[in-house]
Amino acid sequence: MADIVNLRMARKAKARAADKAEARANRALHGRTREERKTSEAEIARIARTVDGAKRED
């Protein structure tokens, strides 16, 4: 026999889980110091230069 599920509570639990996931993503994006952001941007720029330099001309 199946378990009885309160749909109102299940819906609220799902909404709480979605809010927690969004908060986790925002912390990852905005929860860094200026130095960490600059380091990350410099690393991305370095990788982009390396990839652009390795491209062959047609």
N, C-alpha and C. Protein backbone atom coordinates (compact mmCIF):
# COMPACT_ATOMS: atom_id res chain seq x y z
N MET A 1 0.83 -1.17 0.00
CA MET A 1 0.00 0.00 0.00
C MET A 1 0.89 1.25 0.00
N ALA A 2 0.49 2.29 -0.68
CA ALA A 2 1.29 3.51 -0.82
C ALA A 2 1.17 4.39 0.42
N ASP A 3 2.21 5.20 0.64
CA ASP A 3 2.18 6.14 1.75
C ASP A 3 1.33 7.35 1.38
N ILE A 4 0.68 7.93 2.36
CA ILE A 4 -0.12 9.12 2.14
C ILE A 4 0.81 10.33 2.21
N VAL A 5 0.69 11.23 1.21
CA VAL A 5 1.56 12.40 1.12
C VAL A 5 0.69 13.65 1.19
N ASN A 6 1.04 14.55 2.08
CA ASN A 6 0.37 15.83 2.16
C ASN A 6 0.95 16.71 1.06
N LEU A 7 0.14 17.02 0.05
CA LEU A 7 0.63 17.75 -1.11
C LEU A 7 1.06 19.17 -0.76
N ARG A 8 0.39 19.82 0.17
CA ARG A 8 0.75 21.17 0.57
C ARG A 8 2.15 21.17 1.18
N MET A 9 2.43 20.21 2.05
CA MET A 9 3.75 20.14 2.67
C MET A 9 4.82 19.75 1.65
N ALA A 10 4.48 18.88 0.72
CA ALA A 10 5.44 18.48 -0.30
C ALA A 10 5.79 19.66 -1.20
N ARG A 11 4.77 20.47 -1.54
CA ARG A 11 4.99 21.63 -2.39
C ARG A 11 5.88 22.65 -1.68
N LYS A 12 5.65 22.87 -0.40
CA LYS A 12 6.47 23.81 0.37
C LYS A 12 7.90 23.30 0.51
N ALA A 13 8.07 22.01 0.71
CA ALA A 13 9.41 21.43 0.82
C ALA A 13 10.18 21.58 -0.49
N LYS A 14 9.46 21.41 -1.60
CA LYS A 14 10.10 21.57 -2.91
C LYS A 14 10.52 23.02 -3.12
N ALA A 15 9.68 23.96 -2.69
CA ALA A 15 10.00 25.38 -2.83
C ALA A 15 11.20 25.74 -1.96
N ARG A 16 11.27 25.20 -0.74
CA ARG A 16 12.41 25.46 0.14
C ARG A 16 13.70 24.92 -0.48
N ALA A 17 13.63 23.74 -1.08
CA ALA A 17 14.82 23.15 -1.70
C ALA A 17 15.28 24.01 -2.87
N ALA A 18 14.34 24.53 -3.66
CA ALA A 18 14.70 25.40 -4.78
C ALA A 18 15.33 26.69 -4.29
N ASP A 19 14.79 27.25 -3.21
CA ASP A 19 15.36 28.47 -2.64
C ASP A 19 16.77 28.24 -2.12
N LYS A 20 17.00 27.10 -1.49
CA LYS A 20 18.34 26.79 -1.00
C LYS A 20 19.32 26.64 -2.15
N ALA A 21 18.89 26.01 -3.24
CA ALA A 21 19.77 25.84 -4.40
C ALA A 21 20.12 27.20 -5.01
N GLU A 22 19.13 28.10 -5.09
CA GLU A 22 19.38 29.43 -5.64
C GLU A 22 20.34 30.21 -4.73
N ALA A 23 20.16 30.08 -3.43
CA ALA A 23 21.04 30.76 -2.49
C ALA A 23 22.47 30.24 -2.60
N ARG A 24 22.60 28.94 -2.79
CA ARG A 24 23.93 28.34 -2.94
C ARG A 24 24.62 28.88 -4.19
N ALA A 25 23.86 29.00 -5.29
CA ALA A 25 24.43 29.53 -6.53
C ALA A 25 24.83 31.00 -6.36
N ASN A 26 24.00 31.77 -5.67
CA ASN A 26 24.32 33.19 -5.45
C ASN A 26 25.54 33.34 -4.57
N ARG A 27 25.69 32.49 -3.57
CA ARG A 27 26.87 32.56 -2.72
C ARG A 27 28.12 32.26 -3.53
N ALA A 28 28.01 31.32 -4.47
CA ALA A 28 29.18 30.98 -5.30
C ALA A 28 29.55 32.15 -6.20
N LEU A 29 28.55 32.86 -6.73
CA LEU A 29 28.83 33.97 -7.64
C LEU A 29 29.25 35.24 -6.91
N HIS A 30 28.56 35.57 -5.84
CA HIS A 30 28.74 36.88 -5.22
C HIS A 30 29.47 36.83 -3.89
N GLY A 31 29.75 35.67 -3.40
CA GLY A 31 30.36 35.56 -2.09
C GLY A 31 31.88 35.51 -2.12
N ARG A 32 32.48 36.12 -3.11
CA ARG A 32 33.94 36.09 -3.22
C ARG A 32 34.51 37.48 -2.98
N THR A 33 35.74 37.53 -2.56
CA THR A 33 36.41 38.80 -2.36
C THR A 33 36.84 39.38 -3.70
N ARG A 34 37.19 40.65 -3.68
CA ARG A 34 37.63 41.31 -4.91
C ARG A 34 38.88 40.63 -5.48
N GLU A 35 39.79 40.24 -4.60
CA GLU A 35 41.02 39.57 -5.03
C GLU A 35 40.72 38.23 -5.69
N GLU A 36 39.77 37.47 -5.13
CA GLU A 36 39.40 36.18 -5.73
C GLU A 36 38.79 36.38 -7.11
N ARG A 37 37.92 37.42 -7.24
CA ARG A 37 37.31 37.69 -8.54
C ARG A 37 38.37 38.08 -9.57
N LYS A 38 39.31 38.96 -9.18
CA LYS A 38 40.35 39.40 -10.11
C LYS A 38 41.24 38.23 -10.53
N THR A 39 41.55 37.35 -9.58
CA THR A 39 42.37 36.18 -9.89
C THR A 39 41.63 35.27 -10.87
N SER A 40 40.35 35.07 -10.63
CA SER A 40 39.56 34.22 -11.51
C SER A 40 39.46 34.81 -12.91
N GLU A 41 39.22 36.12 -13.00
CA GLU A 41 39.13 36.77 -14.31
C GLU A 41 40.46 36.71 -15.04
N ALA A 42 41.56 36.86 -14.33
CA ALA A 42 42.87 36.78 -14.96
C ALA A 42 43.14 35.37 -15.48
N GLU A 43 42.73 34.37 -14.72
CA GLU A 43 42.90 32.98 -15.17
C GLU A 43 42.08 32.70 -16.42
N ILE A 44 40.84 33.20 -16.46
CA ILE A 44 39.99 33.02 -17.64
C ILE A 44 40.61 33.71 -18.85
N ALA A 45 41.13 34.92 -18.65
CA ALA A 45 41.77 35.65 -19.76
C ALA A 45 43.01 34.92 -20.25
N ARG A 46 43.80 34.36 -19.33
CA ARG A 46 45.00 33.62 -19.71
C ARG A 46 44.63 32.40 -20.54
N ILE A 47 43.61 31.68 -20.14
CA ILE A 47 43.17 30.50 -20.88
C ILE A 47 42.67 30.90 -22.26
N ALA A 48 41.92 32.01 -22.34
CA ALA A 48 41.41 32.47 -23.64
C ALA A 48 42.56 32.83 -24.57
N ARG A 49 43.61 33.50 -24.05
CA ARG A 49 44.76 33.84 -24.88
C ARG A 49 45.47 32.57 -25.37
N THR A 50 45.59 31.58 -24.50
CA THR A 50 46.26 30.33 -24.88
C THR A 50 45.49 29.64 -26.01
N VAL A 51 44.17 29.59 -25.85
CA VAL A 51 43.34 28.93 -26.87
C VAL A 51 43.40 29.71 -28.17
N ASP A 52 43.31 31.05 -28.13
CA ASP A 52 43.39 31.85 -29.34
C ASP A 52 44.75 31.70 -30.03
N GLY A 53 45.81 31.58 -29.25
CA GLY A 53 47.13 31.42 -29.84
C GLY A 53 47.34 30.06 -30.47
N ALA A 54 46.56 29.07 -30.08
CA ALA A 54 46.73 27.73 -30.60
C ALA A 54 45.87 27.48 -31.85
N LYS A 55 45.02 28.43 -32.20
CA LYS A 55 44.16 28.24 -33.37
C LYS A 55 44.98 28.33 -34.65
N ARG A 56 44.58 27.53 -35.60
CA ARG A 56 45.25 27.53 -36.91
C ARG A 56 44.46 28.41 -37.87
N GLU A 57 45.17 29.11 -38.73
CA GLU A 57 44.53 29.93 -39.75
C GLU A 57 44.18 29.06 -40.94
N ASP A 58 43.04 29.37 -41.55
CA ASP A 58 42.62 28.59 -42.75
C ASP A 58 43.12 29.22 -44.01
